Amino acid sequence: MFSPVTKRSSIDLWNDLSVVKAPDRQQLDKIPTNLRLLLIALESLGEINFEAILEAGKKLNLDSKRVEGVAIWHKPESLAKRASGGETIELDLEEARSLVLIICYLAKKRQELIRRACSSIELTRKENPSSHHSVLLGDYLARFEDIYREHKLPANSLSENYTRELAFKLIIDLMFYSTPNGHRRLWKTLLSLSVG
């Protein structure tokens, strides 16, 4: 069973996410979509909402103002501003670090559920890619598609096959990020995606 992270280990986790050279604004702008997708996958799997993000930040002893900014950033309304040409709510490097820790914390708390979903995905791929062998996986996919559309992510990626494969990939990624070193793995992935 996952136990709450202590203040000392939270500092250690934060220090694990240091960078030699901070990404510039253009590179940093590539990170939020990946973090948002992971949050959507978690939200589709279980009860992840504004309050859950705030509670995770509190358990991790993260700066409350920064965590609140991250939680507001994830709300679909913040994307609506961007889509309508309103003020963009950007994610800075420290907020990105906070969100990495929050995502991994939430994934650890739901590791058993993520494992079950991964097992169902494996079974689905072996037997019939178009079927869903468990209520858990079927419910997850239905919620994922709804939340994905609500967040107004790129419209060219709304085909059923694309969203199903993306939903599967994200659950598998969350399995890796739910491990003790998952935060480092996610941070390294995000920084490598932001380059180029």
C-alpha atoms as a PDB file:
ATOM      1  CA  MET A   1       0.000   0.000   0.000  1.00  0.00           C
ATOM      2  CA  PHE A   2       1.272   3.478  -0.897  1.00  0.00           C
ATOM      3  CA  SER A   3       2.056   5.672   2.075  1.00  0.00           C
ATOM      4  CA  PRO A   4       2.027   9.484   1.992  1.00  0.00           C
ATOM      5  CA  VAL A   5       5.293  11.107   0.975  1.00  0.00           C
ATOM      6  CA  THR A   6       7.096  12.829   3.848  1.00  0.00           C
ATOM      7  CA  LYS A   7       8.432  16.369   3.645  1.00  0.00           C
ATOM      8  CA  ARG A   8      12.053  15.201   3.373  1.00  0.00           C
ATOM      9  CA  SER A   9      11.358  12.749   0.565  1.00  0.00           C
ATOM     10  CA  SER A  10       9.298  15.428  -1.231  1.00  0.00           C
ATOM     11  CA  ILE A  11      12.391  17.644  -1.279  1.00  0.00           C
ATOM     12  CA  ASP A  12      14.410  14.736  -2.648  1.00  0.00           C
ATOM     13  CA  LEU A  13      11.805  14.120  -5.342  1.00  0.00           C
ATOM     14  CA  TRP A  14      11.840  17.817  -6.286  1.00  0.00           C
ATOM     15  CA  ASN A  15      15.651  17.796  -6.505  1.00  0.00           C
ATOM     16  CA  ASP A  16      15.484  14.792  -8.836  1.00  0.00           C
ATOM     17  CA  LEU A  17      13.775  17.050 -11.372  1.00  0.00           C
ATOM     18  CA  SER A  18      16.558  19.565 -11.764  1.00  0.00           C
ATOM     19  CA  VAL A  19      17.735  20.609 -15.210  1.00  0.00           C
ATOM     20  CA  VAL A  20      21.234  21.442 -16.436  1.00  0.00           C
ATOM     21  CA  LYS A  21      19.859  23.964 -18.920  1.00  0.00           C
ATOM     22  CA  ALA A  22      16.286  25.198 -18.588  1.00  0.00           C
ATOM     23  CA  PRO A  23      14.180  24.747 -21.736  1.00  0.00           C
ATOM     24  CA  ASP A  24      13.341  27.977 -23.549  1.00  0.00           C
ATOM     25  CA  ARG A  25       9.714  29.130 -23.948  1.00  0.00           C
ATOM     26  CA  GLN A  26       9.302  27.326 -27.287  1.00  0.00           C
ATOM     27  CA  GLN A  27      10.589  24.045 -25.819  1.00  0.00           C
ATOM     28  CA  LEU A  28       8.552  24.482 -22.642  1.00  0.00           C
ATOM     29  CA  ASP A  29       5.393  24.966 -24.715  1.00  0.00           C
ATOM     30  CA  LYS A  30       5.725  21.354 -25.956  1.00  0.00           C
ATOM     31  CA  ILE A  31       5.535  19.893 -22.425  1.00  0.00           C
ATOM     32  CA  PRO A  32       1.969  20.825 -21.324  1.00  0.00           C
ATOM     33  CA  THR A  33       0.132  18.709 -23.907  1.00  0.00           C
ATOM     34  CA  ASN A  34       1.916  15.573 -22.702  1.00  0.00           C
ATOM     35  CA  LEU A  35       1.169  16.368 -19.062  1.00  0.00           C
ATOM     36  CA  ARG A  36      -2.449  17.194 -19.871  1.00  0.00           C
ATOM     37  CA  LEU A  37      -2.869  13.853 -21.669  1.00  0.00           C
ATOM     38  CA  LEU A  38      -1.538  11.954 -18.648  1.00  0.00           C
ATOM     39  CA  LEU A  39      -3.952  13.829 -16.373  1.00  0.00           C
ATOM     40  CA  ILE A  40      -6.819  13.036 -18.758  1.00  0.00           C
ATOM     41  CA  ALA A  41      -5.872   9.343 -18.622  1.00  0.00           C
ATOM     42  CA  LEU A  42      -5.826   9.434 -14.809  1.00  0.00           C
ATOM     43  CA  GLU A  43      -9.106  11.332 -14.732  1.00  0.00           C
ATOM     44  CA  SER A  44     -10.662   8.780 -17.104  1.00  0.00           C
ATOM     45  CA  LEU A  45      -9.538   5.920 -14.891  1.00  0.00           C
ATOM     46  CA  GLY A  46     -10.666   7.318 -11.563  1.00  0.00           C
ATOM     47  CA  GLU A  47     -11.693  10.312  -9.524  1.00  0.00           C
ATOM     48  CA  ILE A  48      -9.064  12.862 -10.508  1.00  0.00           C
ATOM     49  CA  ASN A  49     -10.315  16.426 -10.359  1.00  0.00           C
ATOM     50  CA  PHE A  50      -9.294  19.890  -9.195  1.00  0.00           C
ATOM     51  CA  GLU A  51      -9.550  18.865  -5.525  1.00  0.00           C
ATOM     52  CA  ALA A  52      -7.516  15.673  -6.049  1.00  0.00           C
ATOM     53  CA  ILE A  53      -4.703  17.695  -7.646  1.00  0.00           C
ATOM     54  CA  LEU A  54      -4.729  20.161  -4.737  1.00  0.00           C
ATOM     55  CA  GLU A  55      -4.729  17.303  -2.204  1.00  0.00           C
ATOM     56  CA  ALA A  56      -1.799  15.582  -3.967  1.00  0.00           C
ATOM     57  CA  GLY A  57       0.166  18.839  -3.912  1.00  0.00           C
ATOM     58  CA  LYS A  58      -0.527  19.181  -0.190  1.00  0.00           C
ATOM     59  CA  LYS A  59       0.609  15.595   0.493  1.00  0.00           C
ATOM     60  CA  LEU A  60       3.789  16.298  -1.472  1.00  0.00           C
ATOM     61  CA  ASN A  61       4.386  19.546   0.461  1.00  0.00           C
ATOM     62  CA  LEU A  62       4.513  21.551  -2.751  1.00  0.00           C
ATOM     63  CA  ASP A  63       3.973  25.310  -2.835  1.00  0.00           C
ATOM     64  CA  SER A  64       0.189  25.769  -2.569  1.00  0.00           C
ATOM     65  CA  LYS A  65       0.009  28.744  -4.964  1.00  0.00           C
ATOM     66  CA  ARG A  66       1.947  26.830  -7.601  1.00  0.00           C
ATOM     67  CA  VAL A  67      -0.259  23.749  -7.182  1.00  0.00           C
ATOM     68  CA  GLU A  68      -3.414  25.855  -7.435  1.00  0.00           C
ATOM     69  CA  GLY A  69      -2.069  27.353 -10.677  1.00  0.00           C
ATOM     70  CA  VAL A  70      -1.446  23.851 -12.024  1.00  0.00           C
ATOM     71  CA  ALA A  71      -4.937  22.680 -11.033  1.00  0.00           C
ATOM     72  CA  ILE A  72      -6.545  25.721 -12.700  1.00  0.00           C
ATOM     73  CA  TRP A  73      -4.383  25.182 -15.799  1.00  0.00           C
ATOM     74  CA  HIS A  74      -5.802  21.644 -16.183  1.00  0.00           C
ATOM     75  CA  LYS A  75      -9.436  22.816 -16.194  1.00  0.00           C
ATOM     76  CA  PRO A  76     -11.031  22.677 -19.663  1.00  0.00           C
ATOM     77  CA  GLU A  77     -12.021  26.353 -19.316  1.00  0.00           C
ATOM     78  CA  SER A  78      -8.336  27.318 -19.475  1.00  0.00           C
ATOM     79  CA  LEU A  79      -8.128  25.680 -22.889  1.00  0.00           C
ATOM     80  CA  ALA A  80     -11.307  27.414 -24.000  1.00  0.00           C
ATOM     81  CA  LYS A  81      -9.508  30.734 -23.485  1.00  0.00           C
ATOM     82  CA  ARG A  82      -6.734  29.590 -25.794  1.00  0.00           C
ATOM     83  CA  ALA A  83      -9.182  28.293 -28.427  1.00  0.00           C
ATOM     84  CA  SER A  84     -11.172  31.545 -28.418  1.00  0.00           C
ATOM     85  CA  GLY A  85      -8.052  33.686 -28.715  1.00  0.00           C
ATOM     86  CA  GLY A  86      -8.178  34.769 -25.093  1.00  0.00           C
ATOM     87  CA  GLU A  87      -5.232  34.982 -22.754  1.00  0.00           C
ATOM     88  CA  THR A  88      -3.180  31.778 -22.780  1.00  0.00           C
ATOM     89  CA  ILE A  89      -2.536  30.191 -19.400  1.00  0.00           C
ATOM     90  CA  GLU A  90       1.067  29.023 -19.724  1.00  0.00           C
ATOM     91  CA  LEU A  91       2.864  26.478 -17.608  1.00  0.00           C
ATOM     92  CA  ASP A  92       6.277  27.526 -16.304  1.00  0.00           C
ATOM     93  CA  LEU A  93       9.163  25.188 -15.496  1.00  0.00           C
ATOM     94  CA  GLU A  94       8.415  25.038 -11.753  1.00  0.00           C
ATOM     95  CA  GLU A  95       4.741  24.299 -12.403  1.00  0.00           C
ATOM     96  CA  ALA A  96       5.763  21.564 -14.840  1.00  0.00           C
ATOM     97  CA  ARG A  97       7.989  20.026 -12.157  1.00  0.00           C
ATOM     98  CA  SER A  98       5.117  20.204  -9.662  1.00  0.00           C
ATOM     99  CA  LEU A  99       2.762  18.566 -12.116  1.00  0.00           C
ATOM    100  CA  VAL A 100       5.213  15.725 -12.809  1.00  0.00           C
ATOM    101  CA  LEU A 101       5.340  14.949  -9.078  1.00  0.00           C
ATOM    102  CA  ILE A 102       1.546  15.185  -8.766  1.00  0.00           C
ATOM    103  CA  ILE A 103       0.920  12.896 -11.747  1.00  0.00           C
ATOM    104  CA  CYS A 104       3.343  10.277 -10.442  1.00  0.00           C
ATOM    105  CA  TYR A 105       1.862  10.512  -6.929  1.00  0.00           C
ATOM    106  CA  LEU A 106      -1.670  10.033  -8.283  1.00  0.00           C
ATOM    107  CA  ALA A 107      -0.494   7.150 -10.494  1.00  0.00           C
ATOM    108  CA  LYS A 108       1.139   5.416  -7.496  1.00  0.00           C
ATOM    109  CA  LYS A 109      -2.087   5.709  -5.539  1.00  0.00           C
ATOM    110  CA  ARG A 110      -3.929   4.048  -8.437  1.00  0.00           C
ATOM    111  CA  GLN A 111      -1.260   1.526  -9.376  1.00  0.00           C
ATOM    112  CA  GLU A 112      -3.483  -1.538  -8.888  1.00  0.00           C
ATOM    113  CA  LEU A 113      -6.173  -0.035 -11.126  1.00  0.00           C
ATOM    114  CA  ILE A 114      -3.549   0.860 -13.738  1.00  0.00           C
ATOM    115  CA  ARG A 115      -2.168  -2.714 -13.608  1.00  0.00           C
ATOM    116  CA  ARG A 116      -5.641  -4.150 -14.182  1.00  0.00           C
ATOM    117  CA  ALA A 117      -6.208  -1.810 -17.114  1.00  0.00           C
ATOM    118  CA  CYS A 118      -2.818  -2.801 -18.619  1.00  0.00           C
ATOM    119  CA  SER A 119      -3.713  -6.493 -18.283  1.00  0.00           C
ATOM    120  CA  SER A 120      -7.016  -5.854 -20.071  1.00  0.00           C
ATOM    121  CA  ILE A 121      -5.202  -3.975 -22.842  1.00  0.00           C
ATOM    122  CA  GLU A 122      -2.820  -6.901 -23.316  1.00  0.00           C
ATOM    123  CA  LEU A 123      -5.730  -9.335 -23.517  1.00  0.00           C
ATOM    124  CA  THR A 124      -7.585  -7.080 -25.967  1.00  0.00           C
ATOM    125  CA  ARG A 125      -4.556  -6.811 -28.251  1.00  0.00           C
ATOM    126  CA  LYS A 126      -3.971 -10.572 -28.235  1.00  0.00           C
ATOM    127  CA  GLU A 127      -7.535 -11.585 -28.974  1.00  0.00           C
ATOM    128  CA  ASN A 128      -9.440  -8.811 -30.748  1.00  0.00           C
ATOM    129  CA  PRO A 129      -8.171  -5.238 -31.066  1.00  0.00           C
ATOM    130  CA  SER A 130     -11.693  -3.838 -31.508  1.00  0.00           C
ATOM    131  CA  SER A 131     -13.157  -5.399 -28.349  1.00  0.00           C
ATOM    132  CA  HIS A 132     -12.831  -4.393 -24.701  1.00  0.00           C
ATOM    133  CA  HIS A 133     -12.526  -7.378 -22.363  1.00  0.00           C
ATOM    134  CA  SER A 134     -13.398  -5.643 -19.147  1.00  0.00           C
ATOM    135  CA  VAL A 135     -15.856  -3.155 -17.798  1.00  0.00           C
ATOM    136  CA  LEU A 136     -12.878  -1.206 -16.416  1.00  0.00           C
ATOM    137  CA  LEU A 137     -11.298  -0.814 -19.866  1.00  0.00           C
ATOM    138  CA  GLY A 138     -14.597  -0.078 -21.616  1.00  0.00           C
ATOM    139  CA  ASP A 139     -15.512   2.594 -19.061  1.00  0.00           C
ATOM    140  CA  TYR A 140     -12.004   4.055 -19.212  1.00  0.00           C
ATOM    141  CA  LEU A 141     -12.112   4.358 -23.015  1.00  0.00           C
ATOM    142  CA  ALA A 142     -15.572   5.962 -23.009  1.00  0.00           C
ATOM    143  CA  ARG A 143     -14.554   8.527 -20.374  1.00  0.00           C
ATOM    144  CA  PHE A 144     -11.222   9.180 -22.087  1.00  0.00           C
ATOM    145  CA  GLU A 145     -12.910  10.037 -25.372  1.00  0.00           C
ATOM    146  CA  ASP A 146     -15.394  12.369 -23.642  1.00  0.00           C
ATOM    147  CA  ILE A 147     -12.734  14.174 -21.593  1.00  0.00           C
ATOM    148  CA  TYR A 148     -10.339  14.350 -24.551  1.00  0.00           C
ATOM    149  CA  ARG A 149     -13.008  16.156 -26.589  1.00  0.00           C
ATOM    150  CA  GLU A 150     -13.920  18.379 -23.644  1.00  0.00           C
ATOM    151  CA  HIS A 151     -10.297  19.533 -23.426  1.00  0.00           C
ATOM    152  CA  LYS A 152     -10.416  20.532 -27.096  1.00  0.00           C
ATOM    153  CA  LEU A 153      -7.188  18.805 -28.052  1.00  0.00           C
ATOM    154  CA  PRO A 154      -6.240  18.712 -31.758  1.00  0.00           C
ATOM    155  CA  ALA A 155      -9.352  17.918 -33.841  1.00  0.00           C
ATOM    156  CA  ASN A 156      -7.382  15.965 -36.455  1.00  0.00           C
ATOM    157  CA  SER A 157      -6.754  13.279 -33.843  1.00  0.00           C
ATOM    158  CA  LEU A 158     -10.367  12.471 -32.954  1.00  0.00           C
ATOM    159  CA  SER A 159     -10.764   9.231 -34.926  1.00  0.00           C
ATOM    160  CA  GLU A 160     -11.945   6.349 -32.754  1.00  0.00           C
ATOM    161  CA  ASN A 161      -8.867   4.265 -33.552  1.00  0.00           C
ATOM    162  CA  TYR A 162      -6.497   7.137 -32.700  1.00  0.00           C
ATOM    163  CA  THR A 163      -8.124   7.948 -29.363  1.00  0.00           C
ATOM    164  CA  ARG A 164      -8.287   4.252 -28.386  1.00  0.00           C
ATOM    165  CA  GLU A 165      -4.584   3.708 -29.140  1.00  0.00           C
ATOM    166  CA  LEU A 166      -3.643   6.958 -27.402  1.00  0.00           C
ATOM    167  CA  ALA A 167      -5.699   5.962 -24.334  1.00  0.00           C
ATOM    168  CA  PHE A 168      -3.969   2.560 -24.264  1.00  0.00           C
ATOM    169  CA  LYS A 169      -0.504   4.114 -24.628  1.00  0.00           C
ATOM    170  CA  LEU A 170      -1.141   6.567 -21.796  1.00  0.00           C
ATOM    171  CA  ILE A 171      -2.224   3.818 -19.381  1.00  0.00           C
ATOM    172  CA  ILE A 172       0.928   1.854 -20.201  1.00  0.00           C
ATOM    173  CA  ASP A 173       3.025   5.004 -19.690  1.00  0.00           C
ATOM    174  CA  LEU A 174       1.305   5.601 -16.329  1.00  0.00           C
ATOM    175  CA  MET A 175       2.309   2.090 -15.273  1.00  0.00           C
ATOM    176  CA  PHE A 176       5.959   3.113 -15.682  1.00  0.00           C
ATOM    177  CA  TYR A 177       5.378   6.485 -14.005  1.00  0.00           C
ATOM    178  CA  SER A 178       3.741   4.840 -10.983  1.00  0.00           C
ATOM    179  CA  THR A 179       7.049   3.227  -9.969  1.00  0.00           C
ATOM    180  CA  PRO A 180       9.384   4.714  -7.309  1.00  0.00           C
ATOM    181  CA  ASN A 181      11.545   6.389  -9.985  1.00  0.00           C
ATOM    182  CA  GLY A 182       8.608   7.232 -12.231  1.00  0.00           C
ATOM    183  CA  HIS A 183       8.956  10.972 -11.659  1.00  0.00           C
ATOM    184  CA  ARG A 184      12.513  10.918 -13.016  1.00  0.00           C
ATOM    185  CA  ARG A 185      11.460   8.821 -16.003  1.00  0.00           C
ATOM    186  CA  LEU A 186       8.575  11.184 -16.837  1.00  0.00           C
ATOM    187  CA  TRP A 187      10.737  14.302 -16.425  1.00  0.00           C
ATOM    188  CA  LYS A 188      13.462  12.880 -18.684  1.00  0.00           C
ATOM    189  CA  THR A 189      10.835  11.960 -21.304  1.00  0.00           C
ATOM    190  CA  LEU A 190       9.309  15.437 -21.216  1.00  0.00           C
ATOM    191  CA  LEU A 191      12.677  17.173 -21.561  1.00  0.00           C
ATOM    192  CA  SER A 192      13.669  14.930 -24.466  1.00  0.00           C
ATOM    193  CA  LEU A 193      10.331  15.616 -26.216  1.00  0.00           C
ATOM    194  CA  SER A 194      10.762  19.365 -25.745  1.00  0.00           C
ATOM    195  CA  VAL A 195      14.055  19.446 -27.648  1.00  0.00           C
ATOM    196  CA  GLY A 196      14.072  19.866 -31.413  1.00  0.00           C
END
